[in-house]
Structure formats: C-alpha cells, structure tokens
C-alpha cells in the first residue's frame, strides 16, 4: 500500500459549512433516537409486566399483529433513512464537485490506479476483521434484542427477496458512499488539513461511532479507526468505500446464514 502524502489545502467556505452542518445533524439525530429508544424501552418494560399479569390468554391471538407492526416500522425507517442518504449525498457530492473540480484528486477522488485502490480496500477489509471482532466481543455484555441494528433486525424477520434487495442496496451501496464522503473525505479530510492526522482520525471515529448508537459504537469506532488509517495512507475515497462495502456485506451475509 503506497503512502499518498496529502498537502494541506484551502477549503471552500460553503463545503466547510455543509460538512459541519451534516455531521452536527447526524449527531443530534442520533442523540434524539437514543433518548427515544431509552424512553420506549422503559415504557415497553412496564407494559410487558402488566401484560404478563392480565392478558396471558390473548398472546396467541395478538402475536401476528405485534410481530407485523415492528416489521413495518423498521421498513418505514429504512426507506426514510435511504431517501435522506440519497438526498444528502446528492447535495454534498454535487456541491463538492462544483467547488473543487480542479482538486478532486487531492481530496481523494483519484482517477488513476483504480485496481490498486480497490485492492487496498480489500486489504483493509481483511485487516479490520480481527480488531472489530475483538471490539464486538467486548461489547457483548451490553447487547440485547433491543440493541440489534435495524438492518439486522429486518433480515431476521424473514423478509422477501425484494425487501432483502432494498436492505442490501442500503447497507452495501448507499451507506458506504454516503458515510465515507461525509466522514472520511469531508470531515476527516477537513481535520487532517488543520491538525495532526492521528487526532483527525480519532475525532472522526468518535463521531462516526456515536451516530451508530450504543453499543454498536464500540465496534464501529474500532472499524472507523481502520477506515481512517486507510484513507490517510491512500487518500482514496474508492478505497474506503470498497472497504466499508465489503465489511457491511460480510455482516449481512453472516446474519443471513445464521437466521436461515
């Protein structure tokens, strides 16, 4: 893996504003979601205790209804998140290309050595497996049914192939394209041009881990450190997109195989 030295460069004020607004929006959205999840979990616990005492005879009649409702909610949330990602990707990507046409290679959109960039992403995926698996093991005591990632919950609900195709597109295509543009090219790139690369990778990984919620933030933070390092070494958007896509595909196939 060849080291690509990155020279500090001037950032267009519009891109700085959009980058900080997007990262801030994602952090605030996650904070609200986590607060709602805690509130919902508390209410659900009280409801379950009440139901156990008064409605044991109605469990079999209401089971199909109670299972279909969370499935529909998860699908609606998935569709909404996908639409938001596409919209933000178009806005950020379009604006970035418009104001940085002459510096695209320097910012990470390298048009040469495509095969090398893809192979670096494959190497990065293999490198990420051990540390992320260890971080996942560390986070196991904090995990429960309520903390499973929405994508993985949907896979476990026995969806049709059309729904699985939507999940796969969102997780393996859109999430890497959107998240790597925001967190590696824009946020980490902006920080790298101003502070030490180690701090830039650390701050980016903290934000990236946080938006994935508790306790996923533990392994995702570790994964982000690998992504950040490979972006720093290669200065390649394609490399980290391939790395991220392979990682999500690996997790998706793992869940599919264990639930089939």
Protein backbone atom coordinates (compact mmCIF):
# COMPACT_ATOMS: atom_id res chain seq x y z
CA UNK A 1 0.00 0.00 0.00
CA UNK A 2 1.65 3.19 -1.23
CA UNK A 3 1.55 6.18 1.09
CA UNK A 4 -0.06 9.22 -0.58
CA UNK A 5 1.14 12.37 1.11
CA UNK A 6 -1.64 14.93 1.44
CA UNK A 7 -0.78 18.58 1.23
CA UNK A 8 -2.93 20.93 3.36
CA UNK A 9 -5.29 22.82 1.10
CA UNK A 10 -7.77 25.67 1.22
CA UNK A 11 -11.38 24.61 1.73
CA UNK A 12 -14.30 26.44 0.18
CA UNK A 13 -16.34 28.06 2.99
CA UNK A 14 -19.54 26.52 1.62
CA UNK A 15 -18.12 22.99 1.94
CA UNK A 16 -16.89 23.68 5.48
CA UNK A 17 -20.37 24.86 6.47
CA UNK A 18 -22.15 21.92 4.80
CA UNK A 19 -19.72 19.41 6.33
CA UNK A 20 -20.13 20.70 9.87
CA UNK A 21 -23.91 21.03 9.47
CA UNK A 22 -24.23 17.45 8.18
CA UNK A 23 -22.08 15.93 10.92
CA UNK A 24 -23.87 18.02 13.53
CA UNK A 25 -27.27 16.96 12.17
CA UNK A 26 -26.31 13.27 12.31
CA UNK A 27 -25.02 13.60 15.87
CA UNK A 28 -28.17 15.40 17.04
CA UNK A 29 -30.42 12.90 15.23
CA UNK A 30 -28.64 10.00 16.93
CA UNK A 31 -28.93 11.67 20.34
CA UNK A 32 -32.69 12.04 19.86
CA UNK A 33 -33.03 8.44 18.65
CA UNK A 34 -31.11 7.10 21.62
CA UNK A 35 -33.23 9.14 24.04
CA UNK A 36 -36.42 7.87 22.39
CA UNK A 37 -35.11 4.30 22.50
CA UNK A 38 -34.46 4.55 26.24
CA UNK A 39 -37.89 6.05 26.80
CA UNK A 40 -39.58 3.39 24.66
CA UNK A 41 -37.66 0.62 26.40
CA UNK A 42 -38.82 1.87 29.80
CA UNK A 43 -42.46 2.08 28.68
CA UNK A 44 -42.25 -1.33 26.98
CA UNK A 45 -40.88 -2.95 30.14
CA UNK A 46 -43.79 -1.59 32.19
CA UNK A 47 -46.28 -2.69 29.52
CA UNK A 48 -44.82 -6.19 29.35
CA UNK A 49 -45.05 -6.61 33.12
CA UNK A 50 -48.69 -5.55 33.06
CA UNK A 51 -49.48 -7.84 30.13
CA UNK A 52 -47.94 -10.85 31.82
CA UNK A 53 -50.35 -10.49 34.73
CA UNK A 54 -53.59 -9.64 32.90
CA UNK A 55 -53.52 -10.86 29.29
CA UNK A 56 -51.83 -14.25 29.12
CA UNK A 57 -54.80 -15.71 27.23
CA UNK A 58 -54.52 -13.15 24.42
CA UNK A 59 -50.89 -13.83 23.49
CA UNK A 60 -51.59 -16.29 20.69
CA UNK A 61 -54.29 -14.08 19.11
CA UNK A 62 -52.22 -10.91 19.09
CA UNK A 63 -48.85 -12.45 18.22
CA UNK A 64 -49.08 -11.95 14.46
CA UNK A 65 -50.21 -8.34 14.87
CA UNK A 66 -47.43 -7.49 17.34
CA UNK A 67 -44.82 -9.03 15.03
CA UNK A 68 -46.01 -7.24 11.87
CA UNK A 69 -46.11 -3.79 13.46
CA UNK A 70 -42.39 -3.54 14.37
CA UNK A 71 -41.52 -5.03 10.97
CA UNK A 72 -43.48 -2.28 9.18
CA UNK A 73 -41.94 0.38 11.40
CA UNK A 74 -38.42 -0.85 10.64
CA UNK A 75 -39.13 -0.92 6.90
CA UNK A 76 -40.51 2.63 7.04
CA UNK A 77 -37.44 3.80 8.95
CA UNK A 78 -35.16 2.07 6.43
CA UNK A 79 -36.91 3.72 3.49
CA UNK A 80 -36.77 7.11 5.20
CA UNK A 81 -33.06 6.80 6.03
CA UNK A 82 -32.30 5.68 2.48
CA UNK A 83 -34.10 8.68 1.00
CA UNK A 84 -32.27 11.01 3.37
CA UNK A 85 -28.90 9.48 2.48
CA UNK A 86 -29.56 9.85 -1.25
CA UNK A 87 -30.65 13.47 -0.81
CA UNK A 88 -27.63 14.43 1.32
CA UNK A 89 -25.26 12.53 -0.98
CA UNK A 90 -26.55 14.47 -3.99
CA UNK A 91 -26.34 17.81 -2.16
CA UNK A 92 -22.90 17.26 -0.64
CA UNK A 93 -21.42 15.44 -3.63
CA UNK A 94 -22.80 17.90 -6.17
CA UNK A 95 -21.63 20.93 -4.20
CA UNK A 96 -18.21 19.42 -3.54
CA UNK A 97 -17.63 18.61 -7.20
CA UNK A 98 -18.83 22.07 -8.23
CA UNK A 99 -16.44 23.98 -5.95
CA UNK A 100 -13.47 21.58 -6.09
CA UNK A 101 -13.24 20.50 -9.72
CA UNK A 102 -9.54 21.28 -10.01
CA UNK A 103 -8.60 19.49 -6.76
CA UNK A 104 -10.62 16.28 -6.89
CA UNK A 105 -7.53 14.02 -6.98
CA UNK A 106 -6.02 15.81 -3.98
CA UNK A 107 -9.24 15.42 -1.98
CA UNK A 108 -9.37 11.65 -2.58
CA UNK A 109 -11.22 11.21 -5.88
CA UNK A 110 -8.31 9.66 -7.72
CA UNK A 111 -8.92 8.74 -11.35
CA UNK A 112 -5.79 6.60 -11.76
CA UNK A 113 -4.70 3.25 -10.32
CA UNK A 114 -8.29 2.10 -9.87
CA UNK A 115 -7.24 -1.53 -9.43
CA UNK A 116 -4.74 -0.58 -6.73
CA UNK A 117 -7.37 1.45 -4.88
CA UNK A 118 -9.81 -1.47 -4.95
CA UNK A 119 -7.16 -3.95 -3.78
CA UNK A 120 -6.22 -1.60 -0.92
CA UNK A 121 -9.89 -1.63 0.12
CA UNK A 122 -9.89 -5.44 0.10
CA UNK A 123 -6.75 -5.50 2.24
CA UNK A 124 -8.33 -3.01 4.62
CA UNK A 125 -11.39 -5.22 5.00
CA UNK A 126 -9.22 -8.19 5.97
CA UNK A 127 -7.23 -6.03 8.38
CA UNK A 128 -10.45 -4.80 10.04
CA UNK A 129 -11.85 -8.25 10.87
CA UNK A 130 -9.68 -9.05 13.90
CA UNK A 131 -9.87 -5.71 15.80
CA UNK A 132 -13.58 -5.23 15.06
CA UNK A 133 -14.36 -8.80 16.17
CA UNK A 134 -12.49 -8.16 19.41
CA UNK A 135 -14.39 -4.90 19.96
CA UNK A 136 -17.65 -6.71 19.21
CA UNK A 137 -16.78 -9.32 21.83
CA UNK A 138 -16.08 -6.56 24.37
CA UNK A 139 -19.50 -5.02 23.66
CA UNK A 140 -21.43 -8.30 24.07
CA UNK A 141 -22.37 -7.73 27.77
CA UNK A 142 -24.18 -4.54 26.71
CA UNK A 143 -26.18 -6.17 23.92
CA UNK A 144 -29.80 -7.33 23.93
CA UNK A 145 -32.65 -7.79 21.47
CA UNK A 146 -33.40 -4.06 21.68
CA UNK A 147 -29.87 -3.06 20.65
CA UNK A 148 -29.71 -5.06 17.40
CA UNK A 149 -29.09 -2.86 14.36
CA UNK A 150 -32.36 -2.18 12.42
CA UNK A 151 -30.90 -3.70 9.22
CA UNK A 152 -30.08 -6.91 11.03
CA UNK A 153 -33.47 -6.99 12.73
CA UNK A 154 -35.18 -6.86 9.35
CA UNK A 155 -33.05 -9.69 7.96
CA UNK A 156 -34.05 -11.81 10.93
CA UNK A 157 -37.78 -11.24 10.32
CA UNK A 158 -37.91 -13.48 7.25
CA UNK A 159 -38.48 -10.77 4.63
CA UNK A 160 -39.00 -11.37 0.92
CA UNK A 161 -36.23 -11.03 -1.64
CA UNK A 162 -37.43 -7.55 -2.68
CA UNK A 163 -37.05 -6.32 0.89
CA UNK A 164 -33.68 -8.03 1.23
CA UNK A 165 -32.54 -6.36 -2.02
CA UNK A 166 -33.51 -2.98 -0.54
CA UNK A 167 -31.58 -3.72 2.66
CA UNK A 168 -28.55 -4.88 0.67
CA UNK A 169 -28.57 -1.77 -1.51
CA UNK A 170 -28.85 0.48 1.51
CA UNK A 171 -26.16 -1.27 3.57
CA UNK A 172 -23.67 -2.28 0.88
CA UNK A 173 -24.01 0.60 -1.59
CA UNK A 174 -25.60 3.72 -0.15
CA UNK A 175 -24.20 3.62 3.39
CA UNK A 176 -20.55 3.33 2.25
CA UNK A 177 -20.96 6.01 -0.45
CA UNK A 178 -22.67 8.46 1.89
CA UNK A 179 -20.81 7.82 5.14
CA UNK A 180 -17.34 7.76 3.56
CA UNK A 181 -18.00 11.01 1.72
CA UNK A 182 -19.17 12.70 4.92
CA UNK A 183 -16.78 11.24 7.47
CA UNK A 184 -13.60 10.46 5.56
CA UNK A 185 -13.42 12.80 2.55
CA UNK A 186 -15.10 15.79 4.17
CA UNK A 187 -14.82 15.58 7.97
CA UNK A 188 -11.51 13.73 8.36
CA UNK A 189 -10.07 15.49 5.31
CA UNK A 190 -11.02 18.88 6.76
CA UNK A 191 -9.46 17.99 10.11
CA UNK A 192 -6.33 16.48 8.53
CA UNK A 193 -5.62 19.77 6.79
CA UNK A 194 -5.64 21.55 10.17
CA UNK A 195 -4.50 19.19 12.94
CA UNK A 196 -2.32 16.09 13.35
CA UNK A 197 -3.66 13.10 11.32
CA UNK A 198 -3.88 10.90 14.45
CA UNK A 199 -6.21 13.41 16.10
CA UNK A 200 -8.19 13.81 12.89
CA UNK A 201 -8.75 10.04 12.69
CA UNK A 202 -9.62 9.85 16.40
CA UNK A 203 -12.17 12.70 16.35
CA UNK A 204 -13.74 11.38 13.14
CA UNK A 205 -14.02 7.88 14.61
CA UNK A 206 -15.63 9.18 17.79
CA UNK A 207 -18.30 10.98 15.74
CA UNK A 208 -18.73 8.04 13.37
CA UNK A 209 -19.10 5.59 16.24
CA UNK A 210 -21.56 7.83 18.07
CA UNK A 211 -24.01 8.09 15.16
CA UNK A 212 -24.37 4.29 15.18
CA UNK A 213 -25.70 4.30 18.73
CA UNK A 214 -24.96 2.25 21.83
CA UNK A 215 -23.45 -0.36 21.99
CA UNK A 216 -22.66 -0.55 18.24
CA UNK A 217 -20.41 2.48 18.70
CA UNK A 218 -17.77 0.26 20.33
CA UNK A 219 -17.00 -1.97 17.31
CA UNK A 220 -17.89 0.82 14.84
CA UNK A 221 -15.37 3.15 16.50
CA UNK A 222 -12.72 0.46 16.01
CA UNK A 223 -13.82 -0.06 12.41
CA UNK A 224 -13.65 3.69 11.81
CA UNK A 225 -10.04 3.77 13.04
CA UNK A 226 -9.18 1.29 10.28
CA UNK A 227 -11.13 3.30 7.71
CA UNK A 228 -9.45 6.49 8.84
CA UNK A 229 -5.98 4.97 8.68
CA UNK A 230 -6.52 3.61 5.17
CA UNK A 231 -7.91 6.93 3.97
CA UNK A 232 -4.90 8.69 5.47
CA UNK A 233 -2.48 6.27 3.83
CA UNK A 234 -4.13 6.07 0.39
CA UNK A 235 -6.03 9.38 0.18
CA UNK A 236 -8.63 7.41 -1.78
CA UNK A 237 -12.41 7.66 -1.50
CA UNK A 238 -12.76 4.49 -3.58
CA UNK A 239 -10.55 2.51 -1.18
CA UNK A 240 -12.61 3.29 1.92
CA UNK A 241 -15.91 2.79 0.05
CA UNK A 242 -14.78 -0.70 -1.04
CA UNK A 243 -13.53 -1.46 2.49
CA UNK A 244 -16.81 -0.30 4.04
CA UNK A 245 -18.97 -2.11 1.47
CA UNK A 246 -17.16 -5.42 1.98
CA UNK A 247 -17.49 -5.09 5.75
CA UNK A 248 -21.24 -4.44 5.57
CA UNK A 249 -21.71 -7.26 3.06
CA UNK A 250 -19.80 -9.63 5.35
CA UNK A 251 -22.05 -8.76 8.31
CA UNK A 252 -25.19 -9.02 6.20
CA UNK A 253 -24.25 -12.48 4.92
CA UNK A 254 -23.36 -13.59 8.45
CA UNK A 255 -26.83 -12.67 9.70
CA UNK A 256 -28.49 -14.24 6.66
CA UNK A 257 -26.66 -17.52 7.19
CA UNK A 258 -27.32 -17.67 10.93
CA UNK A 259 -31.06 -16.93 10.52
CA UNK A 260 -31.71 -19.23 7.56
